[in-house]
C-alpha atoms as a PDB file:
ATOM      1  CA  MET A   1     -34.606  17.040  -9.562  1.00  0.00           C
ATOM      2  CA  SER A   2     -31.106  16.747  -9.151  1.00  0.00           C
ATOM      3  CA  ALA A   3     -29.038  13.757 -11.101  1.00  0.00           C
ATOM      4  CA  PRO A   4     -29.300  10.670  -9.065  1.00  0.00           C
ATOM      5  CA  VAL A   5     -26.621   9.709  -6.052  1.00  0.00           C
ATOM      6  CA  ILE A   6     -24.863   6.313  -5.595  1.00  0.00           C
ATOM      7  CA  ALA A   7     -25.816   6.430  -2.260  1.00  0.00           C
ATOM      8  CA  ARG A   8     -27.248   8.653   0.393  1.00  0.00           C
ATOM      9  CA  THR A   9     -24.377   8.144   3.011  1.00  0.00           C
ATOM     10  CA  ASN A  10     -22.129   9.811   5.380  1.00  0.00           C
ATOM     11  CA  THR A  11     -19.333   8.123   4.401  1.00  0.00           C
ATOM     12  CA  PRO A  12     -17.322   8.956   1.386  1.00  0.00           C
ATOM     13  CA  PRO A  13     -16.449   5.762  -0.483  1.00  0.00           C
ATOM     14  CA  GLY A  14     -12.698   4.518  -0.497  1.00  0.00           C
ATOM     15  CA  SER A  15     -12.310   4.499  -3.610  1.00  0.00           C
ATOM     16  CA  PRO A  16     -14.055   7.184  -5.816  1.00  0.00           C
ATOM     17  CA  VAL A  17     -14.808   7.573  -9.654  1.00  0.00           C
ATOM     18  CA  VAL A  18     -14.369  11.178 -11.188  1.00  0.00           C
ATOM     19  CA  ASN A  19     -18.189  12.078 -11.428  1.00  0.00           C
ATOM     20  CA  ASP A  20     -19.351  10.023  -8.490  1.00  0.00           C
ATOM     21  CA  ARG A  21     -21.984  11.607  -6.686  1.00  0.00           C
ATOM     22  CA  TYR A  22     -23.372  11.008  -3.045  1.00  0.00           C
ATOM     23  CA  LEU A  23     -25.910  12.479  -0.949  1.00  0.00           C
ATOM     24  CA  THR A  24     -24.717  13.676   2.437  1.00  0.00           C
ATOM     25  CA  ALA A  25     -26.714  12.265   5.470  1.00  0.00           C
ATOM     26  CA  ASP A  26     -26.886  13.938   8.815  1.00  0.00           C
ATOM     27  CA  ALA A  27     -23.259  13.404   9.844  1.00  0.00           C
ATOM     28  CA  PRO A  28     -20.691  13.308   7.414  1.00  0.00           C
ATOM     29  CA  THR A  29     -16.935  12.460   7.774  1.00  0.00           C
ATOM     30  CA  THR A  30     -13.766  14.260   5.668  1.00  0.00           C
ATOM     31  CA  PRO A  31     -13.543  14.965   3.365  1.00  0.00           C
ATOM     32  CA  TRP A  32     -17.160  15.731   3.529  1.00  0.00           C
ATOM     33  CA  THR A  33     -18.584  18.940   5.863  1.00  0.00           C
ATOM     34  CA  THR A  34     -21.728  19.221   4.951  1.00  0.00           C
ATOM     35  CA  ALA A  35     -24.892  17.254   5.826  1.00  0.00           C
ATOM     36  CA  ASP A  36     -27.671  16.969   3.316  1.00  0.00           C
ATOM     37  CA  SER A  37     -25.824  17.810   0.566  1.00  0.00           C
ATOM     38  CA  ILE A  38     -24.684  16.600  -2.914  1.00  0.00           C
ATOM     39  CA  ALA A  39     -20.704  15.802  -3.127  1.00  0.00           C
ATOM     40  CA  ILE A  40     -19.386  14.695  -6.056  1.00  0.00           C
ATOM     41  CA  TYR A  41     -15.800  13.602  -7.217  1.00  0.00           C
ATOM     42  CA  ARG A  42     -13.462  16.057  -9.140  1.00  0.00           C
ATOM     43  CA  GLY A  43     -10.372  13.516  -8.932  1.00  0.00           C
ATOM     44  CA  GLY A  44      -6.997  13.744  -7.275  1.00  0.00           C
ATOM     45  CA  GLY A  45      -8.984  13.441  -4.159  1.00  0.00           C
ATOM     46  CA  VAL A  46     -11.084  16.958  -4.598  1.00  0.00           C
ATOM     47  CA  TRP A  47     -14.989  16.672  -3.717  1.00  0.00           C
ATOM     48  CA  THR A  48     -17.383  19.251  -4.448  1.00  0.00           C
ATOM     49  CA  GLU A  49     -20.477  19.663  -2.212  1.00  0.00           C
ATOM     50  CA  HIS A  50     -23.334  21.933  -3.146  1.00  0.00           C
ATOM     51  CA  GLN A  51     -26.999  22.270  -1.333  1.00  0.00           C
ATOM     52  CA  PRO A  52     -29.690  21.741  -3.887  1.00  0.00           C
ATOM     53  CA  PRO A  53     -32.688  24.642  -3.184  1.00  0.00           C
ATOM     54  CA  GLU A  54     -35.957  23.964  -1.297  1.00  0.00           C
ATOM     55  CA  ASN A  55     -38.024  20.709  -2.615  1.00  0.00           C
ATOM     56  CA  ASP A  56     -35.339  19.899  -4.761  1.00  0.00           C
ATOM     57  CA  THR A  57     -35.568  15.755  -5.265  1.00  0.00           C
ATOM     58  CA  VAL A  58     -33.254  13.479  -6.048  1.00  0.00           C
ATOM     59  CA  PHE A  59     -33.006   9.123  -6.504  1.00  0.00           C
ATOM     60  CA  ALA A  60     -30.362   6.613  -4.419  1.00  0.00           C
ATOM     61  CA  ASN A  61     -29.462   3.952  -7.014  1.00  0.00           C
ATOM     62  CA  ASP A  62     -28.682   2.197  -3.921  1.00  0.00           C
ATOM     63  CA  THR A  63     -31.772   2.065  -2.346  1.00  0.00           C
ATOM     64  CA  GLY A  64     -34.496   2.939  -4.802  1.00  0.00           C
ATOM     65  CA  LEU A  65     -35.394   6.064  -2.530  1.00  0.00           C
ATOM     66  CA  VAL A  66     -36.391   9.322  -3.836  1.00  0.00           C
ATOM     67  CA  TRP A  67     -35.294  12.069  -1.239  1.00  0.00           C
ATOM     68  CA  ILE A  68     -37.074  15.811  -1.145  1.00  0.00           C
ATOM     69  CA  GLN A  69     -35.498  18.572   0.567  1.00  0.00           C
ATOM     70  CA  ARG A  70     -37.526  19.919   3.038  1.00  0.00           C
ATOM     71  CA  SER A  71     -35.863  22.928   5.167  1.00  0.00           C
ATOM     72  CA  GLY A  72     -32.500  22.268   4.485  1.00  0.00           C
ATOM     73  CA  VAL A  73     -32.763  18.607   4.697  1.00  0.00           C
ATOM     74  CA  TYR A  74     -33.387  15.374   2.749  1.00  0.00           C
ATOM     75  CA  VAL A  75     -36.443  13.308   3.397  1.00  0.00           C
ATOM     76  CA  ASP A  76     -37.751  10.337   2.509  1.00  0.00           C
ATOM     77  CA  TYR A  77     -40.153  11.221  -0.784  1.00  0.00           C
ATOM     78  CA  PHE A  78     -42.826   8.856   0.039  1.00  0.00           C
ATOM     79  CA  ASP A  79     -42.992   9.699   3.924  1.00  0.00           C
ATOM     80  CA  ALA A  80     -42.771  13.566   3.900  1.00  0.00           C
ATOM     81  CA  VAL A  81     -45.097  13.901   0.418  1.00  0.00           C
ATOM     82  CA  LEU A  82     -46.856  10.965  -1.430  1.00  0.00           C
ATOM     83  CA  LYS A  83     -47.877   9.139   2.144  1.00  0.00           C
ATOM     84  CA  GLU A  84     -49.386  12.426   3.202  1.00  0.00           C
ATOM     85  CA  ARG A  85     -51.725  12.650  -0.333  1.00  0.00           C
ATOM     86  CA  ILE A  86     -52.782   9.170  -0.051  1.00  0.00           C
ATOM     87  CA  GLN A  87     -54.518   9.625   3.448  1.00  0.00           C
ATOM     88  CA  ASP A  88     -56.086  12.300   2.305  1.00  0.00           C
ATOM     89  CA  THR A  89     -57.515  11.447  -0.860  1.00  0.00           C
ATOM     90  CA  VAL A  90     -58.493   8.388   1.330  1.00  0.00           C
ATOM     91  CA  ALA A  91     -60.674  10.427   3.790  1.00  0.00           C
ATOM     92  CA  THR A  92     -62.272  12.532   0.756  1.00  0.00           C
ATOM     93  CA  MET A  93     -63.432   9.371  -0.987  1.00  0.00           C
ATOM     94  CA  LEU A  94     -64.325   8.423   2.759  1.00  0.00           C
ATOM     95  CA  ILE A  95     -66.285  11.737   3.203  1.00  0.00           C
ATOM     96  CA  GLY A  96     -67.850  12.200  -0.631  1.00  0.00           C
ATOM     97  CA  GLY A  97     -69.830   8.884   0.075  1.00  0.00           C
ATOM     98  CA  THR A  98     -73.078   9.013   0.995  1.00  0.00           C
ATOM     99  CA  GLY A  99     -75.183   8.310   4.476  1.00  0.00           C
ATOM    100  CA  ILE A 100     -71.120   7.514   5.387  1.00  0.00           C
ATOM    101  CA  THR A 101     -70.130   9.985   8.519  1.00  0.00           C
ATOM    102  CA  VAL A 102     -66.153  10.044   8.781  1.00  0.00           C
ATOM    103  CA  THR A 103     -64.124  10.745  11.977  1.00  0.00           C
ATOM    104  CA  TYR A 104     -60.728  10.523  10.174  1.00  0.00           C
ATOM    105  CA  ASP A 105     -57.025  11.277  12.570  1.00  0.00           C
ATOM    106  CA  ASP A 106     -54.498  12.411   9.742  1.00  0.00           C
ATOM    107  CA  GLY A 107     -51.855  12.255  12.916  1.00  0.00           C
ATOM    108  CA  ALA A 108     -52.026   8.712  14.196  1.00  0.00           C
ATOM    109  CA  GLY A 109     -53.259   7.613  10.269  1.00  0.00           C
ATOM    110  CA  GLU A 110     -56.588   6.435  11.913  1.00  0.00           C
ATOM    111  CA  ILE A 111     -59.924   6.045  10.178  1.00  0.00           C
ATOM    112  CA  THR A 112     -63.788   5.736  12.191  1.00  0.00           C
ATOM    113  CA  LEU A 113     -66.096   4.441  10.031  1.00  0.00           C
ATOM    114  CA  SER A 114     -69.926   5.154  11.145  1.00  0.00           C
ATOM    115  CA  VAL A 115     -72.841   3.576   9.057  1.00  0.00           C
ATOM    116  CA  PRO A 116     -75.801   4.542   9.420  1.00  0.00           C
END
């Protein structure tokens, strides 16, 4: 997990402080150049950017969201990982019940139960 960032944004702040960290979004503006990277202010108008490895996670202080890097793009951790796990866990619990037939459409997030 990377160190927390102040925010995920496309626009650098007007008055950054040395070592401020931001997660760039999909269309960063000058002086940032790389989408979905960590930008760190070094002082004197200088920013460094780096792209963390696949599955890196970072917490954004402004929203309280955790972002995870998937195929070079940061996505909301809840949507990318946890929601799928919750859906699969619920489906497993339902399927495991005695006498319960379950049709579970993971794509639509719908559950149809048939209790004989």
